[in-house]
Structure formats: structure tokens, C-alpha cells
N, C-alpha and C. Protein backbone atom coordinates (compact mmCIF):
# COMPACT_ATOMS: atom_id res chain seq x y z
N MET A 1 -1.35 17.54 2.35
CA MET A 1 -1.75 16.10 1.26
C MET A 1 -2.22 14.98 1.98
N GLU A 2 -2.92 14.79 0.96
CA GLU A 2 -3.66 13.52 0.95
C GLU A 2 -4.24 12.27 1.36
N THR A 3 -4.85 11.88 2.56
CA THR A 3 -4.39 10.64 2.49
C THR A 3 -4.76 9.43 2.27
N LEU A 4 -4.36 8.60 1.14
CA LEU A 4 -4.79 6.78 0.77
C LEU A 4 -5.82 6.49 1.07
N GLY A 5 -7.00 6.66 0.86
CA GLY A 5 -7.82 5.62 1.41
C GLY A 5 -9.01 6.43 2.27
N GLU A 6 -9.84 8.13 2.27
CA GLU A 6 -9.73 8.61 3.65
C GLU A 6 -10.90 7.03 4.12
N GLY A 7 -11.24 7.50 5.51
CA GLY A 7 -12.25 6.09 6.09
C GLY A 7 -12.24 5.37 6.56
N ASP A 8 -12.80 4.10 6.67
CA ASP A 8 -12.93 2.66 7.24
C ASP A 8 -13.07 2.19 6.00
N GLY A 9 -13.20 2.40 4.98
CA GLY A 9 -13.63 0.96 4.09
C GLY A 9 -12.53 0.91 3.26
N PRO A 10 -12.68 -0.16 2.19
CA PRO A 10 -11.64 -0.42 1.54
C PRO A 10 -11.53 0.78 0.65
N ILE A 11 -9.99 0.51 0.31
CA ILE A 11 -8.89 1.16 -0.17
C ILE A 11 -9.16 1.32 -1.56
N ASP A 12 -9.50 1.74 -2.43
CA ASP A 12 -9.31 1.28 -4.39
C ASP A 12 -8.48 2.78 -4.61
N ILE A 13 -7.30 1.11 -5.33
CA ILE A 13 -6.80 1.67 -5.71
C ILE A 13 -6.61 2.51 -6.52
N HIS A 14 -7.44 2.06 -8.28
CA HIS A 14 -8.21 3.11 -8.66
C HIS A 14 -7.92 3.80 -9.44
N ASP A 15 -8.71 4.74 -7.71
CA ASP A 15 -9.34 5.75 -7.36
C ASP A 15 -7.94 7.02 -7.21
N TYR A 16 -6.65 6.89 -6.75
CA TYR A 16 -5.54 7.41 -6.73
C TYR A 16 -4.13 7.04 -8.21
N ARG A 17 -4.64 6.26 -8.34
CA ARG A 17 -3.75 5.42 -9.94
C ARG A 17 -2.94 6.71 -11.26
N HIS A 18 -3.84 7.87 -10.20
CA HIS A 18 -2.62 8.87 -10.88
C HIS A 18 -0.95 9.23 -10.73
N GLY A 19 -1.84 8.95 -8.80
CA GLY A 19 -0.86 9.78 -7.86
C GLY A 19 -0.20 8.36 -7.74
N LEU A 20 0.07 6.97 -8.55
CA LEU A 20 0.46 5.54 -7.29
C LEU A 20 0.77 4.94 -9.36
N LYS A 21 2.44 4.55 -9.47
CA LYS A 21 3.12 3.72 -10.17
C LYS A 21 3.31 2.48 -9.69
N LEU A 22 2.28 1.80 -10.65
CA LEU A 22 2.85 -0.23 -10.64
C LEU A 22 4.23 -0.44 -11.03
N LEU A 23 4.84 -0.60 -10.27
CA LEU A 23 5.50 -1.19 -10.29
C LEU A 23 6.13 -3.08 -10.82
N LYS A 24 5.04 -3.55 -9.94
CA LYS A 24 5.00 -5.45 -10.30
C LYS A 24 3.43 -5.59 -10.22
N GLU A 25 2.82 -6.90 -10.50
CA GLU A 25 1.49 -7.18 -9.85
C GLU A 25 1.36 -8.67 -10.62
N THR A 26 0.92 -9.85 -10.61
CA THR A 26 0.27 -10.61 -10.20
C THR A 26 -0.95 -10.70 -9.49
N ARG A 27 -1.33 -12.09 -9.53
CA ARG A 27 -3.29 -12.06 -9.61
C ARG A 27 -3.01 -12.00 -7.96
N GLU A 28 -2.50 -12.46 -7.65
CA GLU A 28 -3.16 -12.01 -6.32
C GLU A 28 -2.10 -10.78 -4.99
N THR A 29 -1.04 -9.89 -6.10
CA THR A 29 -0.26 -8.28 -4.84
C THR A 29 0.24 -7.81 -6.20
N SER A 30 0.24 -6.86 -6.24
CA SER A 30 0.99 -5.49 -6.22
C SER A 30 2.03 -5.21 -5.68
N LEU A 31 2.71 -4.30 -6.25
CA LEU A 31 3.03 -2.77 -5.51
C LEU A 31 3.38 -1.71 -6.48
N TRP A 32 3.52 -0.65 -6.40
CA TRP A 32 3.05 1.11 -6.73
C TRP A 32 4.16 1.22 -5.73
N THR A 33 5.39 2.40 -6.35
CA THR A 33 5.47 3.63 -5.47
C THR A 33 4.96 4.90 -6.06
N ASN A 34 4.33 5.64 -5.14
CA ASN A 34 3.68 7.04 -4.80
C ASN A 34 5.10 7.35 -4.89
N LYS A 35 3.94 8.77 -6.40
CA LYS A 35 4.74 9.01 -7.14
C LYS A 35 4.19 10.64 -6.34
N LYS A 36 2.60 10.85 -6.36
CA LYS A 36 2.19 11.94 -5.39
C LYS A 36 2.90 12.12 -3.75
N GLY A 37 2.95 11.38 -2.96
CA GLY A 37 3.21 11.94 -2.26
C GLY A 37 2.51 11.82 -0.90
N TYR A 38 1.28 10.24 -1.45
CA TYR A 38 -0.07 10.26 -0.98
C TYR A 38 0.15 10.09 0.93
N ALA A 39 -0.40 10.02 2.08
CA ALA A 39 0.13 9.90 3.80
C ALA A 39 -0.98 8.32 3.43
N CYS A 40 0.18 7.95 4.39
CA CYS A 40 -0.43 6.56 3.92
C CYS A 40 -2.01 6.62 6.27
N PRO A 41 -2.61 5.90 5.33
CA PRO A 41 -4.05 5.30 5.92
C PRO A 41 -3.81 5.64 7.76
N ALA A 42 -2.75 4.46 7.83
CA ALA A 42 -2.29 4.01 9.00
C ALA A 42 -1.63 5.16 9.94
N CYS A 43 -0.53 5.76 9.39
CA CYS A 43 -0.12 6.61 10.49
C CYS A 43 0.57 8.06 10.68
N GLY A 44 -0.04 8.80 9.06
CA GLY A 44 -0.43 10.05 8.00
C GLY A 44 0.57 10.32 8.31
N LYS A 45 1.74 9.78 8.15
CA LYS A 45 3.23 10.80 6.86
C LYS A 45 3.28 9.85 5.14
N PRO A 46 3.94 10.11 4.79
CA PRO A 46 4.32 9.79 3.38
C PRO A 46 5.11 8.73 3.53
N PHE A 47 4.32 8.01 2.68
CA PHE A 47 4.81 6.47 2.40
C PHE A 47 5.78 6.04 0.60
N GLU A 48 6.65 5.41 0.44
CA GLU A 48 7.45 5.01 -0.42
C GLU A 48 6.79 4.37 -1.28
N GLN A 49 6.02 2.42 -0.78
CA GLN A 49 5.53 1.43 -1.71
C GLN A 49 4.25 1.15 -0.70
N LEU A 50 3.69 0.70 -1.96
CA LEU A 50 2.41 0.07 -1.08
C LEU A 50 2.35 -1.14 -1.95
N PHE A 51 2.52 -2.40 -1.30
CA PHE A 51 2.02 -3.67 -1.69
C PHE A 51 0.77 -3.65 -0.81
N THR A 52 -0.24 -4.70 -1.64
CA THR A 52 -1.16 -5.47 -1.33
C THR A 52 -1.73 -6.94 -1.96
N SER A 53 -2.16 -6.86 -1.26
CA SER A 53 -1.85 -8.55 -1.42
C SER A 53 -3.24 -9.73 -0.69
N GLU A 54 -3.51 -10.38 -1.38
CA GLU A 54 -4.96 -10.96 -1.93
C GLU A 54 -3.83 -13.29 -1.46
N LYS A 55 -3.31 -12.96 -0.90
CA LYS A 55 -2.53 -14.46 -0.88
C LYS A 55 -3.41 -14.54 0.91
N GLN A 56 -3.39 -15.97 1.38
CA GLN A 56 -3.46 -16.06 2.42
C GLN A 56 -2.18 -15.96 3.91
N HIS A 57 -0.76 -16.18 3.10
CA HIS A 57 0.27 -15.99 3.85
C HIS A 57 1.29 -15.42 2.44
N ASN A 58 2.90 -14.67 3.25
CA ASN A 58 3.40 -14.00 2.33
C ASN A 58 4.82 -13.98 3.01
N THR A 59 5.06 -13.83 2.24
CA THR A 59 6.62 -13.96 2.86
C THR A 59 8.22 -12.98 2.87
N PHE A 60 7.92 -11.56 3.72
CA PHE A 60 9.19 -10.59 3.44
C PHE A 60 10.19 -10.84 3.12
N SER A 61 11.72 -10.70 2.27
CA SER A 61 12.66 -10.43 2.62
C SER A 61 13.30 -9.22 1.92
N PRO A 62 13.36 -8.70 2.83
CA PRO A 62 13.52 -6.81 2.75
C PRO A 62 15.32 -7.00 2.95
N SER A 63 15.93 -6.12 2.26
CA SER A 63 16.95 -5.76 1.94
C SER A 63 18.20 -5.08 2.89
N SER A 64 16.92 -4.14 3.95
CA SER A 64 17.39 -3.46 4.72
C SER A 64 15.85 -3.17 5.39
N VAL A 65 16.24 -2.83 7.22
CA VAL A 65 14.66 -3.12 7.95
C VAL A 65 14.81 -1.49 7.46
N THR A 66 13.14 -1.15 7.56
CA THR A 66 12.08 0.51 6.96
C THR A 66 11.09 0.18 7.68
N PRO A 67 10.32 1.26 8.06
CA PRO A 67 9.65 1.07 8.89
C PRO A 67 8.04 0.69 8.24
N PHE A 68 7.45 0.38 7.89
CA PHE A 68 6.06 0.02 7.79
C PHE A 68 4.62 0.19 8.65
N CYS A 69 4.07 -0.17 7.90
CA CYS A 69 2.78 0.22 8.36
C CYS A 69 1.71 -0.89 7.62
N ILE A 70 0.65 -1.87 7.98
CA ILE A 70 0.53 -2.40 7.36
C ILE A 70 -1.77 -1.95 7.69
N ARG A 71 -2.76 -2.61 6.89
CA ARG A 71 -3.61 -1.91 7.24
C ARG A 71 -4.69 -3.76 6.28
N ARG A 72 -5.50 -4.03 7.48
CA ARG A 72 -6.45 -5.13 6.85
C ARG A 72 -7.78 -4.40 6.58
N GLU A 73 -7.89 -5.20 5.11
CA GLU A 73 -9.58 -5.21 5.07
C GLU A 73 -10.09 -6.63 5.10
N ALA A 74 -10.95 -7.02 4.29
CA ALA A 74 -12.11 -7.61 4.73
C ALA A 74 -11.15 -9.12 3.20
N ASP A 75 -10.21 -8.89 2.39
CA ASP A 75 -10.00 -9.73 1.25
C ASP A 75 -8.74 -9.06 0.63
N ARG A 76 -8.03 -8.22 1.98
CA ARG A 76 -6.53 -8.40 1.32
C ARG A 76 -5.55 -7.56 2.52
N VAL A 77 -4.66 -7.39 2.42
CA VAL A 77 -3.52 -7.31 3.65
C VAL A 77 -2.60 -5.21 2.49
N LEU A 78 -2.62 -4.24 3.02
CA LEU A 78 -1.89 -3.72 2.63
C LEU A 78 -0.87 -3.04 3.14
N MET A 79 0.14 -3.13 2.40
CA MET A 79 1.31 -3.02 3.36
C MET A 79 2.17 -1.30 2.85
N PHE A 80 2.28 -0.34 3.86
CA PHE A 80 2.99 0.92 3.59
C PHE A 80 4.36 0.63 3.69
N ARG A 81 5.12 0.81 2.96
CA ARG A 81 6.96 1.40 4.01
C ARG A 81 7.11 2.43 3.45
N HIS A 82 7.60 2.70 4.33
CA HIS A 82 7.74 3.62 4.92
C HIS A 82 9.68 4.79 4.38
């Protein structure tokens, strides 16, 4: 299983575009589903969805409590929902 963003540098989502499906995008956020079964760079387990945000503040209203991992980069936050 390939891990999304091997190493410590920023993850270029477009390098993995063939295995991700864009569900929603705004100027500062994006939501992707993991079609290929990539592993999460934080825990190594496959994730279901990836949310990226360049916003300073974010509010989440999950319909259910699900495990997630967060990766902080210099200019954005990535949240991997499992």
C-alpha cells in the first residue's frame, strides 16, 4: 500500500490525483475520497477521505464521530478521516 506523501515535505495532491476523487472544492479548501486505498502519512492505515484547508480557522460538524489524523504543513492543514 502506497503512503500519501512519503517523507516530511508538503504533499502535492496532484501527484496522487489518479487515486483520489475530488468531492468538493473552494478557494481555500478541498475534500477528496481515497479510491486507491492510500495509507495515511500519520498512522499508516488506509483513510476514507482527505480534507485540506489553507484557512486560519475551520469548523467541523461531523455526522458521527470517526477517527481521524491531522498533518500540519507550513501553509495548510490536512485531515485524514478513517
